[in-house]
Amino acid sequence: MSRTSLRTKLAAVVATGVMALGTGVLTASPAGAAAAGDTYANCSYGAGCIYGGANWNGWPAEYFTRGNHPFYNQYGVKRVFNNQTPGWYVQLCRNANGTNCDITIAPWSYRDVDLTPYNSLRIVGP
């Protein structure tokens, strides 16, 4: 990897972290990822994904369309990854109808979350 490429990737990671902290939302970007815009860890580009644990293992449940997506039987800490274009956010909601959403995950970021009190994932964007 060239120095310019490495600098660009590091700048993107830092900018994501600063932007997340500035909004009061703590998220992380995948370390060592190829680039935003690619399938990453079996999560298709353009999807919000829920993995089976707090790791990148296995095939995640994928959600693609704008709006609310109820989910069932999700207990314990799981990794939720937003592999979407800028401007599109994944929200975790306590109600199955997509209300009472208190976690927002920025594009190309993930968060390990105890999903026990959550009942839906909502995709919002422009």
Protein backbone atom coordinates (compact mmCIF):
# COMPACT_ATOMS: atom_id res chain seq x y z
CA MET A 1 0.00 0.00 0.00
CA SER A 2 1.41 3.40 -0.93
CA ARG A 3 1.91 6.12 1.67
CA THR A 4 -0.71 8.29 -0.04
CA SER A 5 -3.25 5.44 0.02
CA LEU A 6 -2.51 4.70 3.67
CA ARG A 7 -2.79 8.39 4.59
CA THR A 8 -6.13 8.66 2.76
CA LYS A 9 -7.49 5.58 4.55
CA LEU A 10 -6.30 6.81 7.96
CA ALA A 11 -7.79 10.25 7.34
CA ALA A 12 -11.15 8.66 6.50
CA VAL A 13 -11.10 6.58 9.70
CA VAL A 14 -10.19 9.60 11.83
CA ALA A 15 -12.83 11.77 10.15
CA THR A 16 -15.49 9.12 10.81
CA GLY A 17 -14.50 8.94 14.47
CA VAL A 18 -14.48 12.72 14.88
CA MET A 19 -17.84 13.06 13.11
CA ALA A 20 -19.34 10.30 15.27
CA LEU A 21 -18.08 11.90 18.48
CA GLY A 22 -19.34 15.31 17.37
CA THR A 23 -22.86 13.92 16.98
CA GLY A 24 -22.79 12.06 20.28
CA VAL A 25 -22.94 8.72 18.48
CA LEU A 26 -20.03 6.40 19.20
CA THR A 27 -19.28 4.03 16.33
CA ALA A 28 -16.20 2.48 14.78
CA SER A 29 -15.08 1.85 11.23
CA PRO A 30 -13.91 -1.62 10.19
CA ALA A 31 -10.14 -1.93 10.66
CA GLY A 32 -8.19 -3.09 7.64
CA ALA A 33 -11.21 -2.86 5.36
CA ALA A 34 -10.69 -2.64 1.62
CA ALA A 35 -12.74 0.49 1.01
CA ALA A 36 -16.20 1.89 1.50
CA GLY A 37 -18.30 0.75 -1.44
CA ASP A 38 -17.30 -2.93 -1.25
CA THR A 39 -18.88 -5.98 0.29
CA TYR A 40 -17.18 -6.35 3.65
CA ALA A 41 -17.25 -9.35 5.98
CA ASN A 42 -20.15 -10.88 4.02
CA CYS A 43 -22.23 -7.69 4.35
CA SER A 44 -23.25 -6.45 0.89
CA TYR A 45 -22.63 -2.85 -0.05
CA GLY A 46 -25.83 -0.88 0.48
CA ALA A 47 -27.00 -2.99 3.44
CA GLY A 48 -27.40 -2.65 7.16
CA CYS A 49 -26.23 -5.93 8.71
CA ILE A 50 -26.67 -7.74 12.02
CA TYR A 51 -24.10 -10.43 12.81
CA GLY A 52 -24.62 -13.39 15.13
CA GLY A 53 -22.21 -12.03 17.74
CA ALA A 54 -19.86 -9.15 18.50
CA ASN A 55 -17.58 -10.11 15.62
CA TRP A 56 -17.39 -10.34 11.81
CA ASN A 57 -17.98 -14.12 11.72
CA GLY A 58 -20.64 -15.81 9.63
CA TRP A 59 -23.34 -14.49 7.36
CA PRO A 60 -25.25 -11.51 8.76
CA ALA A 61 -28.91 -10.70 8.36
CA GLU A 62 -29.00 -7.96 5.68
CA TYR A 63 -31.49 -5.09 5.36
CA PHE A 64 -31.48 -2.96 2.21
CA THR A 65 -34.56 -0.79 1.89
CA ARG A 66 -35.51 2.52 3.47
CA GLY A 67 -37.83 2.20 6.42
CA ASN A 68 -38.47 -0.11 9.31
CA HIS A 69 -37.39 -3.75 9.53
CA PRO A 70 -38.69 -5.65 12.58
CA PHE A 71 -36.44 -8.45 13.82
CA TYR A 72 -37.08 -11.27 16.24
CA ASN A 73 -35.12 -13.42 18.69
CA GLN A 74 -32.08 -11.15 18.79
CA TYR A 75 -30.63 -11.36 22.30
CA GLY A 76 -27.24 -10.42 23.67
CA VAL A 77 -24.43 -8.42 22.10
CA LYS A 78 -24.37 -8.43 18.29
CA ARG A 79 -22.40 -6.44 15.73
CA VAL A 80 -24.50 -4.02 13.67
CA PHE A 81 -22.73 -2.67 10.57
CA ASN A 82 -23.92 0.11 8.25
CA ASN A 83 -22.34 -0.65 4.85
CA GLN A 84 -24.18 2.08 2.94
CA THR A 85 -23.47 5.22 0.97
CA PRO A 86 -22.98 8.58 2.72
CA GLY A 87 -26.20 10.08 4.02
CA TRP A 88 -27.85 6.73 4.85
CA TYR A 89 -28.05 5.73 8.52
CA VAL A 90 -29.02 2.61 10.43
CA GLN A 91 -31.04 3.17 13.58
CA LEU A 92 -31.88 0.62 16.25
CA CYS A 93 -35.38 0.97 17.66
CA ARG A 94 -36.90 -0.43 20.81
CA ASN A 95 -40.34 -0.83 19.24
CA ALA A 96 -41.09 -3.23 16.38
CA ASN A 97 -42.83 -0.42 14.46
CA GLY A 98 -39.62 1.61 14.12
CA THR A 99 -40.19 4.06 16.96
CA ASN A 100 -38.19 4.86 20.07
CA CYS A 101 -34.90 4.67 18.15
CA ASP A 102 -31.95 5.62 20.33
CA ILE A 103 -28.89 4.31 18.48
CA THR A 104 -27.79 5.70 15.12
CA ILE A 105 -24.92 4.19 13.13
CA ALA A 106 -23.22 6.27 10.44
CA PRO A 107 -22.33 4.91 7.00
CA TRP A 108 -19.34 2.55 6.91
CA SER A 109 -19.41 2.17 10.70
CA TYR A 110 -20.37 -0.53 13.17
CA ARG A 111 -21.34 -0.87 16.78
CA ASP A 112 -21.52 -3.87 19.13
CA VAL A 113 -24.90 -3.60 20.86
CA ASP A 114 -26.93 -5.68 23.31
CA LEU A 115 -29.99 -6.18 21.10
CA THR A 116 -32.15 -7.65 23.87
CA PRO A 117 -34.26 -4.46 24.30
CA TYR A 118 -34.40 -3.72 20.53
CA ASN A 119 -37.05 -4.95 18.13
CA SER A 120 -36.33 -3.28 14.80
CA LEU A 121 -33.72 -1.75 12.53
CA ARG A 122 -34.65 1.37 10.58
CA ILE A 123 -32.82 2.69 7.52
CA VAL A 124 -33.09 6.44 6.99
CA GLY A 125 -31.52 8.74 4.44
CA PRO A 126 -31.95 11.47 1.91
